[in-house]
Amino acid sequence: MGYIHLNPLRARIVVKFTDLAKYPYCGHSVLVGKLQNEFVDEIWKPGNQPLRVRARSLTCFWAVRELGVSGTSVGKLLGLGQPAVSRAVVRGEKIFRDMNIQLIN
């Protein structure tokens, strides 16, 4: 994501790298602590639906890894893109391991 913060420099809106810290229309100034921006701060907060994220992650892991359903099919059912399902499968696997969940055979 760092490349986005350098766009004003690449576009020559600011002259020097150090000027990015004073430029208010990119995230660099927020990252280095020079400016506050509520929108950028929201990006780093945990999601509003952590229980839903965990439930979907467990469901994706179970469906894809245990039942052999394609990530695309799971995504269609849950309204997620295939890349989001892939990330959810990885999260779900970690949750299964951490909570020592056993599936019934």
C-alpha atoms as a PDB file:
ATOM      1  CA  MET A   1       0.000   0.000   0.000  1.00  0.00           C
ATOM      2  CA  GLY A   2       3.001   2.302   0.407  1.00  0.00           C
ATOM      3  CA  TYR A   3       3.119   3.106  -3.289  1.00  0.00           C
ATOM      4  CA  ILE A   4      -0.156   5.056  -2.961  1.00  0.00           C
ATOM      5  CA  HIS A   5       1.403   7.392  -0.426  1.00  0.00           C
ATOM      6  CA  LEU A   6       4.150   8.292  -2.897  1.00  0.00           C
ATOM      7  CA  ASN A   7       1.791   9.293  -5.731  1.00  0.00           C
ATOM      8  CA  PRO A   8       1.986  13.067  -5.036  1.00  0.00           C
ATOM      9  CA  LEU A   9       5.774  12.818  -5.268  1.00  0.00           C
ATOM     10  CA  ARG A  10       5.663  10.808  -8.503  1.00  0.00           C
ATOM     11  CA  ALA A  11       3.131  13.243  -9.985  1.00  0.00           C
ATOM     12  CA  ARG A  12       5.433  16.105  -8.932  1.00  0.00           C
ATOM     13  CA  ILE A  13       2.717  17.711  -6.810  1.00  0.00           C
ATOM     14  CA  VAL A  14       5.334  17.853  -4.074  1.00  0.00           C
ATOM     15  CA  VAL A  15       8.998  18.386  -4.862  1.00  0.00           C
ATOM     16  CA  LYS A  16      10.814  16.395  -2.160  1.00  0.00           C
ATOM     17  CA  PHE A  17      10.045  13.258  -0.193  1.00  0.00           C
ATOM     18  CA  THR A  18      10.078  15.278   3.028  1.00  0.00           C
ATOM     19  CA  ASP A  19       7.298  17.492   1.602  1.00  0.00           C
ATOM     20  CA  LEU A  20       4.933  14.504   1.676  1.00  0.00           C
ATOM     21  CA  ALA A  21       4.661  14.863   5.454  1.00  0.00           C
ATOM     22  CA  LYS A  22       3.043  18.287   4.944  1.00  0.00           C
ATOM     23  CA  TYR A  23       0.790  17.308   2.035  1.00  0.00           C
ATOM     24  CA  PRO A  24      -2.747  16.822   3.440  1.00  0.00           C
ATOM     25  CA  TYR A  25      -4.282  14.838   0.559  1.00  0.00           C
ATOM     26  CA  CYS A  26      -2.422  11.573   0.931  1.00  0.00           C
ATOM     27  CA  GLY A  27      -1.980   9.117   3.777  1.00  0.00           C
ATOM     28  CA  HIS A  28       1.758   9.665   4.185  1.00  0.00           C
ATOM     29  CA  SER A  29       1.324  12.635   6.512  1.00  0.00           C
ATOM     30  CA  VAL A  30      -0.985  10.556   8.707  1.00  0.00           C
ATOM     31  CA  LEU A  31       1.395   7.586   8.747  1.00  0.00           C
ATOM     32  CA  VAL A  32       4.309   9.717   9.922  1.00  0.00           C
ATOM     33  CA  GLY A  33       2.117  11.376  12.555  1.00  0.00           C
ATOM     34  CA  LYS A  34       2.111  14.907  11.144  1.00  0.00           C
ATOM     35  CA  LEU A  35      -1.647  15.114  10.456  1.00  0.00           C
ATOM     36  CA  GLN A  36      -4.789  13.454  11.793  1.00  0.00           C
ATOM     37  CA  ASN A  37      -7.399  12.103   9.408  1.00  0.00           C
ATOM     38  CA  GLU A  38     -10.493  10.301  10.696  1.00  0.00           C
ATOM     39  CA  PHE A  39     -11.033   8.434   7.411  1.00  0.00           C
ATOM     40  CA  VAL A  40      -7.515   7.010   7.355  1.00  0.00           C
ATOM     41  CA  ASP A  41      -7.770   6.177  11.064  1.00  0.00           C
ATOM     42  CA  GLU A  42     -10.879   4.086  10.315  1.00  0.00           C
ATOM     43  CA  ILE A  43      -8.893   1.861   7.943  1.00  0.00           C
ATOM     44  CA  TRP A  44      -6.814   0.509  10.824  1.00  0.00           C
ATOM     45  CA  LYS A  45      -9.696  -0.145  13.224  1.00  0.00           C
ATOM     46  CA  PRO A  46     -10.965  -3.698  13.521  1.00  0.00           C
ATOM     47  CA  GLY A  47     -14.091  -4.483  11.522  1.00  0.00           C
ATOM     48  CA  ASN A  48     -17.532  -3.691  12.847  1.00  0.00           C
ATOM     49  CA  GLN A  49     -18.603  -7.296  12.454  1.00  0.00           C
ATOM     50  CA  PRO A  50     -15.829  -9.439  14.005  1.00  0.00           C
ATOM     51  CA  LEU A  51     -18.234 -12.247  14.850  1.00  0.00           C
ATOM     52  CA  ARG A  52     -19.484 -12.344  11.263  1.00  0.00           C
ATOM     53  CA  VAL A  53     -15.917 -12.373   9.942  1.00  0.00           C
ATOM     54  CA  ARG A  54     -15.021 -15.318  12.194  1.00  0.00           C
ATOM     55  CA  ALA A  55     -18.192 -17.203  11.265  1.00  0.00           C
ATOM     56  CA  ARG A  56     -17.632 -16.676   7.555  1.00  0.00           C
ATOM     57  CA  SER A  57     -13.981 -17.640   7.892  1.00  0.00           C
ATOM     58  CA  LEU A  58     -14.889 -20.898   9.606  1.00  0.00           C
ATOM     59  CA  THR A  59     -17.584 -21.576   7.004  1.00  0.00           C
ATOM     60  CA  CYS A  60     -15.197 -20.899   4.121  1.00  0.00           C
ATOM     61  CA  PHE A  61     -12.526 -23.138   5.615  1.00  0.00           C
ATOM     62  CA  TRP A  62     -14.986 -25.946   6.240  1.00  0.00           C
ATOM     63  CA  ALA A  63     -16.599 -25.708   2.791  1.00  0.00           C
ATOM     64  CA  VAL A  64     -13.409 -25.347   0.742  1.00  0.00           C
ATOM     65  CA  ARG A  65     -10.901 -27.491   2.621  1.00  0.00           C
ATOM     66  CA  GLU A  66     -13.118 -30.102   4.232  1.00  0.00           C
ATOM     67  CA  LEU A  67     -16.002 -30.471   1.753  1.00  0.00           C
ATOM     68  CA  GLY A  68     -14.116 -29.601  -1.442  1.00  0.00           C
ATOM     69  CA  VAL A  69     -16.507 -26.862  -2.576  1.00  0.00           C
ATOM     70  CA  SER A  70     -14.872 -24.349  -4.924  1.00  0.00           C
ATOM     71  CA  GLY A  71     -14.007 -20.937  -3.548  1.00  0.00           C
ATOM     72  CA  THR A  72     -16.015 -19.369  -6.368  1.00  0.00           C
ATOM     73  CA  SER A  73     -19.149 -21.293  -5.355  1.00  0.00           C
ATOM     74  CA  VAL A  74     -18.719 -20.391  -1.693  1.00  0.00           C
ATOM     75  CA  GLY A  75     -18.202 -16.767  -2.667  1.00  0.00           C
ATOM     76  CA  LYS A  76     -21.436 -16.687  -4.651  1.00  0.00           C
ATOM     77  CA  LEU A  77     -23.366 -18.058  -1.670  1.00  0.00           C
ATOM     78  CA  LEU A  78     -21.841 -15.557   0.764  1.00  0.00           C
ATOM     79  CA  GLY A  79     -21.650 -12.579  -1.575  1.00  0.00           C
ATOM     80  CA  LEU A  80     -17.842 -12.556  -1.502  1.00  0.00           C
ATOM     81  CA  GLY A  81     -15.275 -12.488  -4.259  1.00  0.00           C
ATOM     82  CA  GLN A  82     -13.002 -15.484  -4.724  1.00  0.00           C
ATOM     83  CA  PRO A  83      -9.938 -13.652  -3.309  1.00  0.00           C
ATOM     84  CA  ALA A  84     -11.925 -12.774  -0.156  1.00  0.00           C
ATOM     85  CA  VAL A  85     -12.894 -16.439   0.194  1.00  0.00           C
ATOM     86  CA  SER A  86      -9.246 -17.472  -0.117  1.00  0.00           C
ATOM     87  CA  ARG A  87      -8.268 -15.101   2.683  1.00  0.00           C
ATOM     88  CA  ALA A  88     -11.209 -16.301   4.770  1.00  0.00           C
ATOM     89  CA  VAL A  89     -10.108 -19.929   4.317  1.00  0.00           C
ATOM     90  CA  VAL A  90      -6.680 -19.087   5.726  1.00  0.00           C
ATOM     91  CA  ARG A  91      -8.255 -17.186   8.651  1.00  0.00           C
ATOM     92  CA  GLY A  92     -10.708 -20.023   9.246  1.00  0.00           C
ATOM     93  CA  GLU A  93      -7.938 -22.613   9.315  1.00  0.00           C
ATOM     94  CA  LYS A  94      -6.110 -20.586  11.961  1.00  0.00           C
ATOM     95  CA  ILE A  95      -9.301 -20.274  14.028  1.00  0.00           C
ATOM     96  CA  PHE A  96      -9.875 -24.050  13.802  1.00  0.00           C
ATOM     97  CA  ARG A  97      -6.309 -24.679  14.976  1.00  0.00           C
ATOM     98  CA  ASP A  98      -6.335 -22.052  17.728  1.00  0.00           C
ATOM     99  CA  MET A  99      -9.692 -23.196  19.122  1.00  0.00           C
ATOM    100  CA  ASN A 100      -8.896 -26.877  18.641  1.00  0.00           C
ATOM    101  CA  ILE A 101     -12.190 -27.432  16.811  1.00  0.00           C
ATOM    102  CA  GLN A 102     -12.884 -30.986  15.670  1.00  0.00           C
ATOM    103  CA  LEU A 103     -15.257 -31.704  12.815  1.00  0.00           C
ATOM    104  CA  ILE A 104     -17.505 -34.739  13.155  1.00  0.00           C
ATOM    105  CA  ASN A 105     -16.670 -37.486  10.673  1.00  0.00           C
END
